[in-house]
Amino acid sequence: MNGQVLEDYISRAVRNGFYPQRSGDLIVIPEAYYLYGAAGTTHGTPFNYDTHVPLIFLGTGIKAGQYHAPVAVNDIAPTLALLVGVEAPSGSVGRILREMLQ
């Protein structure tokens, strides 16, 4: 409740996903590559294979290529707003992904 956890990437992920009014009293983190189901992924663990997904932009104004810099979900809305020529959403805090723009 006070954010007193180790300063590693797993603890940071748990702390960032914790919301006191809605989170459970106990947070279970399975071992890496362990799934409660048969196969696939759940995007519910803090491990790299479960938290990183590809982001693909196609179309006019997009420069072809692969970009390996980290992108936050917050970066998508201001980038799309610029591409379609509208104002970024109110409260938008992400950056525009200029490296992929022509």
PDB file of N, CA and C in Angstrom:
ATOM      1  N   MET A   1       0.824  -1.206   0.000  1.00  0.00           N
ATOM      2  CA  MET A   1       0.000   0.000   0.000  1.00  0.00           C
ATOM      3  C   MET A   1       0.862   1.262   0.000  1.00  0.00           C
ATOM      4  N   ASN A   2       2.046   1.177   0.586  1.00  0.00           N
ATOM      5  CA  ASN A   2       2.935   2.342   0.653  1.00  0.00           C
ATOM      6  C   ASN A   2       3.988   2.343  -0.444  1.00  0.00           C
ATOM      7  N   GLY A   3       3.916   1.396  -1.347  1.00  0.00           N
ATOM      8  CA  GLY A   3       4.892   1.327  -2.429  1.00  0.00           C
ATOM      9  C   GLY A   3       6.244   0.823  -1.980  1.00  0.00           C
ATOM     10  N   GLN A   4       6.296   0.163  -0.849  1.00  0.00           N
ATOM     11  CA  GLN A   4       7.560  -0.341  -0.322  1.00  0.00           C
ATOM     12  C   GLN A   4       7.853  -1.710  -0.921  1.00  0.00           C
ATOM     13  N   VAL A   5       8.442  -1.693  -2.092  1.00  0.00           N
ATOM     14  CA  VAL A   5       8.808  -2.920  -2.796  1.00  0.00           C
ATOM     15  C   VAL A   5      10.236  -2.777  -3.294  1.00  0.00           C
ATOM     16  N   LEU A   6      10.832  -3.862  -3.704  1.00  0.00           N
ATOM     17  CA  LEU A   6      12.168  -3.811  -4.288  1.00  0.00           C
ATOM     18  C   LEU A   6      12.156  -2.925  -5.522  1.00  0.00           C
ATOM     19  N   GLU A   7      13.297  -2.366  -5.862  1.00  0.00           N
ATOM     20  CA  GLU A   7      13.384  -1.522  -7.055  1.00  0.00           C
ATOM     21  C   GLU A   7      13.910  -2.327  -8.242  1.00  0.00           C
ATOM     22  N   ASP A   8      13.180  -3.366  -8.624  1.00  0.00           N
ATOM     23  CA  ASP A   8      13.510  -4.105  -9.828  1.00  0.00           C
ATOM     24  C   ASP A   8      12.347  -3.966 -10.803  1.00  0.00           C
ATOM     25  N   TYR A   9      12.517  -4.454 -12.025  1.00  0.00           N
ATOM     26  CA  TYR A   9      11.490  -4.225 -13.038  1.00  0.00           C
ATOM     27  C   TYR A   9      10.188  -4.946 -12.718  1.00  0.00           C
ATOM     28  N   ILE A  10      10.243  -6.084 -12.061  1.00  0.00           N
ATOM     29  CA  ILE A  10       9.013  -6.794 -11.716  1.00  0.00           C
ATOM     30  C   ILE A  10       8.234  -6.023 -10.656  1.00  0.00           C
ATOM     31  N   SER A  11       8.917  -5.572  -9.628  1.00  0.00           N
ATOM     32  CA  SER A  11       8.247  -4.799  -8.572  1.00  0.00           C
ATOM     33  C   SER A  11       7.669  -3.503  -9.115  1.00  0.00           C
ATOM     34  N   ARG A  12       8.411  -2.851 -10.022  1.00  0.00           N
ATOM     35  CA  ARG A  12       7.905  -1.611 -10.635  1.00  0.00           C
ATOM     36  C   ARG A  12       6.633  -1.883 -11.426  1.00  0.00           C
ATOM     37  N   ALA A  13       6.605  -2.979 -12.164  1.00  0.00           N
ATOM     38  CA  ALA A  13       5.415  -3.319 -12.951  1.00  0.00           C
ATOM     39  C   ALA A  13       4.222  -3.581 -12.042  1.00  0.00           C
ATOM     40  N   VAL A  14       4.446  -4.293 -10.958  1.00  0.00           N
ATOM     41  CA  VAL A  14       3.358  -4.568 -10.010  1.00  0.00           C
ATOM     42  C   VAL A  14       2.884  -3.263  -9.369  1.00  0.00           C
ATOM     43  N   ARG A  15       3.815  -2.443  -8.934  1.00  0.00           N
ATOM     44  CA  ARG A  15       3.457  -1.159  -8.310  1.00  0.00           C
ATOM     45  C   ARG A  15       2.677  -0.263  -9.289  1.00  0.00           C
ATOM     46  N   ASN A  16       3.112  -0.222 -10.546  1.00  0.00           N
ATOM     47  CA  ASN A  16       2.425   0.621 -11.532  1.00  0.00           C
ATOM     48  C   ASN A  16       1.038   0.101 -11.874  1.00  0.00           C
ATOM     49  N   GLY A  17       0.811  -1.201 -11.713  1.00  0.00           N
ATOM     50  CA  GLY A  17      -0.491  -1.780 -12.001  1.00  0.00           C
ATOM     51  C   GLY A  17      -1.402  -1.882 -10.793  1.00  0.00           C
ATOM     52  N   PHE A  18      -0.926  -1.427  -9.650  1.00  0.00           N
ATOM     53  CA  PHE A  18      -1.708  -1.542  -8.420  1.00  0.00           C
ATOM     54  C   PHE A  18      -2.617  -0.330  -8.250  1.00  0.00           C
ATOM     55  N   TYR A  19      -3.891  -0.586  -7.981  1.00  0.00           N
ATOM     56  CA  TYR A  19      -4.870   0.471  -7.731  1.00  0.00           C
ATOM     57  C   TYR A  19      -5.629   0.060  -6.471  1.00  0.00           C
ATOM     58  N   PRO A  20      -5.398   0.731  -5.335  1.00  0.00           N
ATOM     59  CA  PRO A  20      -5.926   0.270  -4.039  1.00  0.00           C
ATOM     60  C   PRO A  20      -7.422  -0.022  -4.021  1.00  0.00           C
ATOM     61  N   GLN A  21      -8.211   0.757  -4.731  1.00  0.00           N
ATOM     62  CA  GLN A  21      -9.658   0.559  -4.693  1.00  0.00           C
ATOM     63  C   GLN A  21     -10.098  -0.684  -5.466  1.00  0.00           C
ATOM     64  N   ARG A  22      -9.261  -1.179  -6.372  1.00  0.00           N
ATOM     65  CA  ARG A  22      -9.690  -2.302  -7.215  1.00  0.00           C
ATOM     66  C   ARG A  22      -8.767  -3.505  -7.186  1.00  0.00           C
ATOM     67  N   SER A  23      -7.543  -3.327  -6.753  1.00  0.00           N
ATOM     68  CA  SER A  23      -6.591  -4.440  -6.750  1.00  0.00           C
ATOM     69  C   SER A  23      -6.875  -5.392  -5.597  1.00  0.00           C
ATOM     70  N   GLY A  24      -6.447  -6.614  -5.779  1.00  0.00           N
ATOM     71  CA  GLY A  24      -6.639  -7.617  -4.739  1.00  0.00           C
ATOM     72  C   GLY A  24      -5.677  -7.426  -3.576  1.00  0.00           C
ATOM     73  N   ASP A  25      -5.894  -8.193  -2.534  1.00  0.00           N
ATOM     74  CA  ASP A  25      -5.021  -8.143  -1.365  1.00  0.00           C
ATOM     75  C   ASP A  25      -3.735  -8.918  -1.593  1.00  0.00           C
ATOM     76  N   LEU A  26      -3.749  -9.802  -2.558  1.00  0.00           N
ATOM     77  CA  LEU A  26      -2.605 -10.647  -2.850  1.00  0.00           C
ATOM     78  C   LEU A  26      -2.351 -10.602  -4.352  1.00  0.00           C
ATOM     79  N   ILE A  27      -1.102 -10.386  -4.732  1.00  0.00           N
ATOM     80  CA  ILE A  27      -0.729 -10.372  -6.148  1.00  0.00           C
ATOM     81  C   ILE A  27       0.196 -11.547  -6.388  1.00  0.00           C
ATOM     82  N   VAL A  28      -0.208 -12.472  -7.242  1.00  0.00           N
ATOM     83  CA  VAL A  28       0.563 -13.672  -7.536  1.00  0.00           C
ATOM     84  C   VAL A  28       1.280 -13.473  -8.866  1.00  0.00           C
ATOM     85  N   ILE A  29       2.574 -13.679  -8.849  1.00  0.00           N
ATOM     86  CA  ILE A  29       3.370 -13.574 -10.068  1.00  0.00           C
ATOM     87  C   ILE A  29       3.963 -14.950 -10.344  1.00  0.00           C
ATOM     88  N   PRO A  30       3.528 -15.604 -11.413  1.00  0.00           N
ATOM     89  CA  PRO A  30       4.070 -16.934 -11.715  1.00  0.00           C
ATOM     90  C   PRO A  30       5.531 -16.834 -12.163  1.00  0.00           C
ATOM     91  N   GLU A  31       6.226 -17.941 -12.125  1.00  0.00           N
ATOM     92  CA  GLU A  31       7.583 -17.995 -12.656  1.00  0.00           C
ATOM     93  C   GLU A  31       7.551 -17.629 -14.139  1.00  0.00           C
ATOM     94  N   ALA A  32       8.663 -17.123 -14.638  1.00  0.00           N
ATOM     95  CA  ALA A  32       8.752 -16.781 -16.063  1.00  0.00           C
ATOM     96  C   ALA A  32       8.429 -18.003 -16.918  1.00  0.00           C
ATOM     97  N   TYR A  33       7.672 -17.792 -17.976  1.00  0.00           N
ATOM     98  CA  TYR A  33       7.257 -18.796 -18.956  1.00  0.00           C
ATOM     99  C   TYR A  33       6.276 -19.841 -18.413  1.00  0.00           C
ATOM    100  N   TYR A  34       5.766 -19.627 -17.222  1.00  0.00           N
ATOM    101  CA  TYR A  34       4.754 -20.524 -16.681  1.00  0.00           C
ATOM    102  C   TYR A  34       3.380 -19.939 -16.973  1.00  0.00           C
ATOM    103  N   LEU A  35       2.483 -20.750 -17.503  1.00  0.00           N
ATOM    104  CA  LEU A  35       1.127 -20.307 -17.801  1.00  0.00           C
ATOM    105  C   LEU A  35       0.139 -21.171 -17.047  1.00  0.00           C
ATOM    106  N   TYR A  36      -0.928 -20.569 -16.606  1.00  0.00           N
ATOM    107  CA  TYR A  36      -1.980 -21.326 -15.946  1.00  0.00           C
ATOM    108  C   TYR A  36      -2.853 -22.051 -16.965  1.00  0.00           C
ATOM    109  N   GLY A  37      -2.807 -21.600 -18.222  1.00  0.00           N
ATOM    110  CA  GLY A  37      -3.580 -22.229 -19.288  1.00  0.00           C
ATOM    111  C   GLY A  37      -2.691 -23.149 -20.102  1.00  0.00           C
ATOM    112  N   ALA A  38      -3.180 -23.559 -21.260  1.00  0.00           N
ATOM    113  CA  ALA A  38      -2.488 -24.549 -22.083  1.00  0.00           C
ATOM    114  C   ALA A  38      -1.326 -23.953 -22.878  1.00  0.00           C
ATOM    115  N   ALA A  39      -1.532 -22.794 -23.507  1.00  0.00           N
ATOM    116  CA  ALA A  39      -0.500 -22.238 -24.375  1.00  0.00           C
ATOM    117  C   ALA A  39      -0.752 -20.754 -24.595  1.00  0.00           C
ATOM    118  N   GLY A  40       0.215 -20.111 -25.231  1.00  0.00           N
ATOM    119  CA  GLY A  40       0.057 -18.713 -25.588  1.00  0.00           C
ATOM    120  C   GLY A  40       0.599 -17.782 -24.534  1.00  0.00           C
ATOM    121  N   THR A  41      -0.004 -16.632 -24.428  1.00  0.00           N
ATOM    122  CA  THR A  41       0.405 -15.637 -23.450  1.00  0.00           C
ATOM    123  C   THR A  41      -0.824 -14.912 -22.932  1.00  0.00           C
ATOM    124  N   THR A  42      -0.672 -14.245 -21.832  1.00  0.00           N
ATOM    125  CA  THR A  42      -1.827 -13.571 -21.231  1.00  0.00           C
ATOM    126  C   THR A  42      -1.654 -12.067 -21.154  1.00  0.00           C
ATOM    127  N   HIS A  43      -0.440 -11.586 -21.344  1.00  0.00           N
ATOM    128  CA  HIS A  43      -0.098 -10.179 -21.121  1.00  0.00           C
ATOM    129  C   HIS A  43      -0.409  -9.785 -19.684  1.00  0.00           C
ATOM    130  N   GLY A  44      -0.387 -10.755 -18.794  1.00  0.00           N
ATOM    131  CA  GLY A  44      -0.710 -10.499 -17.407  1.00  0.00           C
ATOM    132  C   GLY A  44       0.461 -10.659 -16.463  1.00  0.00           C
ATOM    133  N   THR A  45       1.656 -10.899 -17.009  1.00  0.00           N
ATOM    134  CA  THR A  45       2.837 -10.994 -16.159  1.00  0.00           C
ATOM    135  C   THR A  45       3.786  -9.851 -16.503  1.00  0.00           C
ATOM    136  N   PRO A  46       4.719  -9.535 -15.627  1.00  0.00           N
ATOM    137  CA  PRO A  46       5.616  -8.406 -15.877  1.00  0.00           C
ATOM    138  C   PRO A  46       6.860  -8.754 -16.692  1.00  0.00           C
ATOM    139  N   PHE A  47       6.920  -9.941 -17.271  1.00  0.00           N
ATOM    140  CA  PHE A  47       8.112 -10.360 -18.000  1.00  0.00           C
ATOM    141  C   PHE A  47       8.096  -9.828 -19.431  1.00  0.00           C
ATOM    142  N   ASN A  48       9.307  -9.578 -19.996  1.00  0.00           N
ATOM    143  CA  ASN A  48       9.422  -8.961 -21.321  1.00  0.00           C
ATOM    144  C   ASN A  48       8.593  -9.661 -22.387  1.00  0.00           C
ATOM    145  N   TYR A  49       8.597 -10.980 -22.420  1.00  0.00           N
ATOM    146  CA  TYR A  49       7.865 -11.702 -23.460  1.00  0.00           C
ATOM    147  C   TYR A  49       6.360 -11.471 -23.361  1.00  0.00           C
ATOM    148  N   ASP A  50       5.893 -11.029 -22.220  1.00  0.00           N
ATOM    149  CA  ASP A  50       4.457 -10.855 -21.987  1.00  0.00           C
ATOM    150  C   ASP A  50       4.018  -9.387 -22.034  1.00  0.00           C
ATOM    151  N   THR A  51       4.974  -8.472 -22.055  1.00  0.00           N
ATOM    152  CA  THR A  51       4.622  -7.050 -22.013  1.00  0.00           C
ATOM    153  C   THR A  51       4.983  -6.301 -23.287  1.00  0.00           C
ATOM    154  N   HIS A  52       5.742  -6.906 -24.169  1.00  0.00           N
ATOM    155  CA  HIS A  52       6.154  -6.234 -25.394  1.00  0.00           C
ATOM    156  C   HIS A  52       5.383  -6.806 -26.584  1.00  0.00           C
ATOM    157  N   VAL A  53       4.742  -5.933 -27.306  1.00  0.00           N
ATOM    158  CA  VAL A  53       3.996  -6.331 -28.499  1.00  0.00           C
ATOM    159  C   VAL A  53       4.395  -5.420 -29.655  1.00  0.00           C
ATOM    160  N   PRO A  54       4.334  -5.901 -30.878  1.00  0.00           N
ATOM    161  CA  PRO A  54       4.696  -5.044 -32.005  1.00  0.00           C
ATOM    162  C   PRO A  54       3.649  -3.961 -32.240  1.00  0.00           C
ATOM    163  N   LEU A  55       4.112  -2.830 -32.701  1.00  0.00           N
ATOM    164  CA  LEU A  55       3.241  -1.710 -33.074  1.00  0.00           C
ATOM    165  C   LEU A  55       3.532  -1.423 -34.540  1.00  0.00           C
ATOM    166  N   ILE A  56       2.507  -1.449 -35.360  1.00  0.00           N
ATOM    167  CA  ILE A  56       2.696  -1.295 -36.801  1.00  0.00           C
ATOM    168  C   ILE A  56       1.885  -0.107 -37.300  1.00  0.00           C
ATOM    169  N   PHE A  57       2.558   0.796 -38.002  1.00  0.00           N
ATOM    170  CA  PHE A  57       1.903   1.911 -38.684  1.00  0.00           C
ATOM    171  C   PHE A  57       2.139   1.733 -40.170  1.00  0.00           C
ATOM    172  N   LEU A  58       1.101   1.897 -40.957  1.00  0.00           N
ATOM    173  CA  LEU A  58       1.193   1.807 -42.408  1.00  0.00           C
ATOM    174  C   LEU A  58       0.455   2.980 -43.023  1.00  0.00           C
ATOM    175  N   GLY A  59       0.899   3.411 -44.200  1.00  0.00           N
ATOM    176  CA  GLY A  59       0.134   4.404 -44.937  1.00  0.00           C
ATOM    177  C   GLY A  59       0.918   5.648 -45.286  1.00  0.00           C
ATOM    178  N   THR A  60       0.187   6.608 -45.839  1.00  0.00           N
ATOM    179  CA  THR A  60       0.769   7.871 -46.261  1.00  0.00           C
ATOM    180  C   THR A  60       1.376   8.587 -45.064  1.00  0.00           C
ATOM    181  N   GLY A  61       2.585   9.110 -45.254  1.00  0.00           N
ATOM    182  CA  GLY A  61       3.256   9.848 -44.201  1.00  0.00           C
ATOM    183  C   GLY A  61       4.108   9.001 -43.280  1.00  0.00           C
ATOM    184  N   ILE A  62       4.095   7.682 -43.499  1.00  0.00           N
ATOM    185  CA  ILE A  62       4.874   6.774 -42.667  1.00  0.00           C
ATOM    186  C   ILE A  62       6.115   6.331 -43.436  1.00  0.00           C
ATOM    187  N   LYS A  63       7.277   6.479 -42.819  1.00  0.00           N
ATOM    188  CA  LYS A  63       8.540   6.077 -43.415  1.00  0.00           C
ATOM    189  C   LYS A  63       8.743   4.581 -43.161  1.00  0.00           C
ATOM    190  N   ALA A  64       9.007   3.833 -44.219  1.00  0.00           N
ATOM    191  CA  ALA A  64       9.224   2.388 -44.087  1.00  0.00           C
ATOM    192  C   ALA A  64      10.456   2.119 -43.232  1.00  0.00           C
ATOM    193  N   GLY A  65      10.375   1.115 -42.415  1.00  0.00           N
ATOM    194  CA  GLY A  65      11.527   0.746 -41.604  1.00  0.00           C
ATOM    195  C   GLY A  65      11.114   0.089 -40.309  1.00  0.00           C
ATOM    196  N   GLN A  66      12.107  -0.326 -39.564  1.00  0.00           N
ATOM    197  CA  GLN A  66      11.897  -0.896 -38.243  1.00  0.00           C
ATOM    198  C   GLN A  66      12.550   0.033 -37.236  1.00  0.00           C
ATOM    199  N   TYR A  67      11.876   0.276 -36.151  1.00  0.00           N
ATOM    200  CA  TYR A  67      12.349   1.178 -35.115  1.00  0.00           C
ATOM    201  C   TYR A  67      12.304   0.424 -33.800  1.00  0.00           C
ATOM    202  N   HIS A  68      13.408   0.395 -33.121  1.00  0.00           N
ATOM    203  CA  HIS A  68      13.512  -0.444 -31.933  1.00  0.00           C
ATOM    204  C   HIS A  68      13.470   0.348 -30.634  1.00  0.00           C
ATOM    205  N   ALA A  69      13.226   1.626 -30.700  1.00  0.00           N
ATOM    206  CA  ALA A  69      13.135   2.439 -29.483  1.00  0.00           C
ATOM    207  C   ALA A  69      11.837   2.093 -28.744  1.00  0.00           C
ATOM    208  N   PRO A  70      11.855   2.177 -27.438  1.00  0.00           N
ATOM    209  CA  PRO A  70      10.626   1.906 -26.675  1.00  0.00           C
ATOM    210  C   PRO A  70       9.513   2.898 -27.029  1.00  0.00           C
ATOM    211  N   VAL A  71       8.301   2.391 -27.079  1.00  0.00           N
ATOM    212  CA  VAL A  71       7.122   3.210 -27.348  1.00  0.00           C
ATOM    213  C   VAL A  71       6.104   2.919 -26.259  1.00  0.00           C
ATOM    214  N   ALA A  72       5.547   3.961 -25.695  1.00  0.00           N
ATOM    215  CA  ALA A  72       4.503   3.801 -24.686  1.00  0.00           C
ATOM    216  C   ALA A  72       3.137   3.861 -25.368  1.00  0.00           C
ATOM    217  N   VAL A  73       2.163   3.258 -24.754  1.00  0.00           N
ATOM    218  CA  VAL A  73       0.799   3.316 -25.288  1.00  0.00           C
ATOM    219  C   VAL A  73       0.369   4.772 -25.437  1.00  0.00           C
ATOM    220  N   ASN A  74       0.830   5.630 -24.545  1.00  0.00           N
ATOM    221  CA  ASN A  74       0.470   7.053 -24.581  1.00  0.00           C
ATOM    222  C   ASN A  74       0.986   7.761 -25.829  1.00  0.00           C
ATOM    223  N   ASP A  75       1.940   7.176 -26.532  1.00  0.00           N
ATOM    224  CA  ASP A  75       2.504   7.805 -27.729  1.00  0.00           C
ATOM    225  C   ASP A  75       1.636   7.618 -28.969  1.00  0.00           C
ATOM    226  N   ILE A  76       0.720   6.689 -28.943  1.00  0.00           N
ATOM    227  CA  ILE A  76      -0.070   6.370 -30.130  1.00  0.00           C
ATOM    228  C   ILE A  76      -1.051   7.495 -30.474  1.00  0.00           C
ATOM    229  N   ALA A  77      -1.803   7.975 -29.506  1.00  0.00           N
ATOM    230  CA  ALA A  77      -2.830   8.996 -29.779  1.00  0.00           C
ATOM    231  C   ALA A  77      -2.253  10.285 -30.351  1.00  0.00           C
ATOM    232  N   PRO A  78      -1.204  10.892 -29.767  1.00  0.00           N
ATOM    233  CA  PRO A  78      -0.693  12.126 -30.374  1.00  0.00           C
ATOM    234  C   PRO A  78      -0.097  11.910 -31.759  1.00  0.00           C
ATOM    235  N   THR A  79       0.464  10.726 -31.993  1.00  0.00           N
ATOM    236  CA  THR A  79       1.015  10.424 -33.318  1.00  0.00           C
ATOM    237  C   THR A  79      -0.104  10.312 -34.347  1.00  0.00           C
ATOM    238  N   LEU A  80      -1.157   9.575 -34.010  1.00  0.00           N
ATOM    239  CA  LEU A  80      -2.297   9.465 -34.933  1.00  0.00           C
ATOM    240  C   LEU A  80      -2.964  10.815 -35.155  1.00  0.00           C
ATOM    241  N   ALA A  81      -3.070  11.607 -34.119  1.00  0.00           N
ATOM    242  CA  ALA A  81      -3.681  12.939 -34.260  1.00  0.00           C
ATOM    243  C   ALA A  81      -2.902  13.778 -35.261  1.00  0.00           C
ATOM    244  N   LEU A  82      -1.588  13.760 -35.166  1.00  0.00           N
ATOM    245  CA  LEU A  82      -0.763  14.512 -36.118  1.00  0.00           C
ATOM    246  C   LEU A  82      -0.961  13.987 -37.538  1.00  0.00           C
ATOM    247  N   LEU A  83      -1.000  12.678 -37.705  1.00  0.00           N
ATOM    248  CA  LEU A  83      -1.150  12.090 -39.036  1.00  0.00           C
ATOM    249  C   LEU A  83      -2.469  12.452 -39.700  1.00  0.00           C
ATOM    250  N   VAL A  84      -3.536  12.540 -38.941  1.00  0.00           N
ATOM    251  CA  VAL A  84      -4.832  12.859 -39.541  1.00  0.00           C
ATOM    252  C   VAL A  84      -5.158  14.347 -39.471  1.00  0.00           C
ATOM    253  N   GLY A  85      -4.267  15.143 -38.871  1.00  0.00           N
ATOM    254  CA  GLY A  85      -4.428  16.587 -38.875  1.00  0.00           C
ATOM    255  C   GLY A  85      -5.431  17.132 -37.874  1.00  0.00           C
ATOM    256  N   VAL A  86      -5.536  16.494 -36.734  1.00  0.00           N
ATOM    257  CA  VAL A  86      -6.424  17.005 -35.688  1.00  0.00           C
ATOM    258  C   VAL A  86      -5.597  17.278 -34.434  1.00  0.00           C
ATOM    259  N   GLU A  87      -6.200  18.009 -33.508  1.00  0.00           N
ATOM    260  CA  GLU A  87      -5.523  18.325 -32.259  1.00  0.00           C
ATOM    261  C   GLU A  87      -5.373  17.060 -31.411  1.00  0.00           C
ATOM    262  N   ALA A  88      -4.253  16.971 -30.720  1.00  0.00           N
ATOM    263  CA  ALA A  88      -4.035  15.823 -29.838  1.00  0.00           C
ATOM    264  C   ALA A  88      -5.102  15.816 -28.752  1.00  0.00           C
ATOM    265  N   PRO A  89      -5.483  14.656 -28.272  1.00  0.00           N
ATOM    266  CA  PRO A  89      -6.522  14.566 -27.245  1.00  0.00           C
ATOM    267  C   PRO A  89      -6.171  15.376 -25.994  1.00  0.00           C
ATOM    268  N   SER A  90      -7.174  15.904 -25.368  1.00  0.00           N
ATOM    269  CA  SER A  90      -6.981  16.635 -24.124  1.00  0.00           C
ATOM    270  C   SER A  90      -6.348  15.715 -23.094  1.00  0.00           C
ATOM    271  N   GLY A  91      -5.339  16.190 -22.429  1.00  0.00           N
ATOM    272  CA  GLY A  91      -4.662  15.383 -21.420  1.00  0.00           C
ATOM    273  C   GLY A  91      -3.640  14.416 -21.983  1.00  0.00           C
ATOM    274  N   SER A  92      -3.401  14.466 -23.278  1.00  0.00           N
ATOM    275  CA  SER A  92      -2.440  13.573 -23.898  1.00  0.00           C
ATOM    276  C   SER A  92      -1.036  13.890 -23.379  1.00  0.00           C
ATOM    277  N   VAL A  93      -0.324  12.866 -22.935  1.00  0.00           N
ATOM    278  CA  VAL A  93       1.012  13.072 -22.379  1.00  0.00           C
ATOM    279  C   VAL A  93       2.093  12.340 -23.169  1.00  0.00           C
ATOM    280  N   GLY A  94       1.718  11.627 -24.202  1.00  0.00           N
ATOM    281  CA  GLY A  94       2.699  10.874 -24.983  1.00  0.00           C
ATOM    282  C   GLY A  94       3.461  11.764 -25.941  1.00  0.00           C
ATOM    283  N   ARG A  95       4.495  11.172 -26.517  1.00  0.00           N
ATOM    284  CA  ARG A  95       5.293  11.901 -27.510  1.00  0.00           C
ATOM    285  C   ARG A  95       4.849  11.495 -28.910  1.00  0.00           C
ATOM    286  N   ILE A  96       5.097  12.364 -29.882  1.00  0.00           N
ATOM    287  CA  ILE A  96       4.829  12.034 -31.283  1.00  0.00           C
ATOM    288  C   ILE A  96       6.003  11.205 -31.783  1.00  0.00           C
ATOM    289  N   LEU A  97       5.706  10.108 -32.441  1.00  0.00           N
ATOM    290  CA  LEU A  97       6.749   9.202 -32.935  1.00  0.00           C
ATOM    291  C   LEU A  97       7.321   9.737 -34.241  1.00  0.00           C
ATOM    292  N   ARG A  98       8.068  10.831 -34.151  1.00  0.00           N
ATOM    293  CA  ARG A  98       8.579  11.543 -35.326  1.00  0.00           C
ATOM    294  C   ARG A  98       9.567  10.721 -36.137  1.00  0.00           C
ATOM    295  N   GLU A  99      10.256   9.767 -35.512  1.00  0.00           N
ATOM    296  CA  GLU A  99      11.264   8.990 -36.218  1.00  0.00           C
ATOM    297  C   GLU A  99      10.668   8.167 -37.353  1.00  0.00           C
ATOM    298  N   MET A 100       9.377   7.892 -37.325  1.00  0.00           N
ATOM    299  CA  MET A 100       8.771   7.079 -38.372  1.00  0.00           C
ATOM    300  C   MET A 100       7.969   7.922 -39.371  1.00  0.00           C
ATOM    301  N   LEU A 101       7.967   9.220 -39.190  1.00  0.00           N
ATOM    302  CA  LEU A 101       7.211  10.100 -40.087  1.00  0.00           C
ATOM    303  C   LEU A 101       8.086  10.590 -41.227  1.00  0.00           C
ATOM    304  N   GLN A 102       7.491  10.736 -42.411  1.00  0.00           N
ATOM    305  CA  GLN A 102       8.228  11.261 -43.562  1.00  0.00           C
ATOM    306  C   GLN A 102       8.319  12.766 -43.465  1.00  0.00           C
TER     307      GLN A 102
END
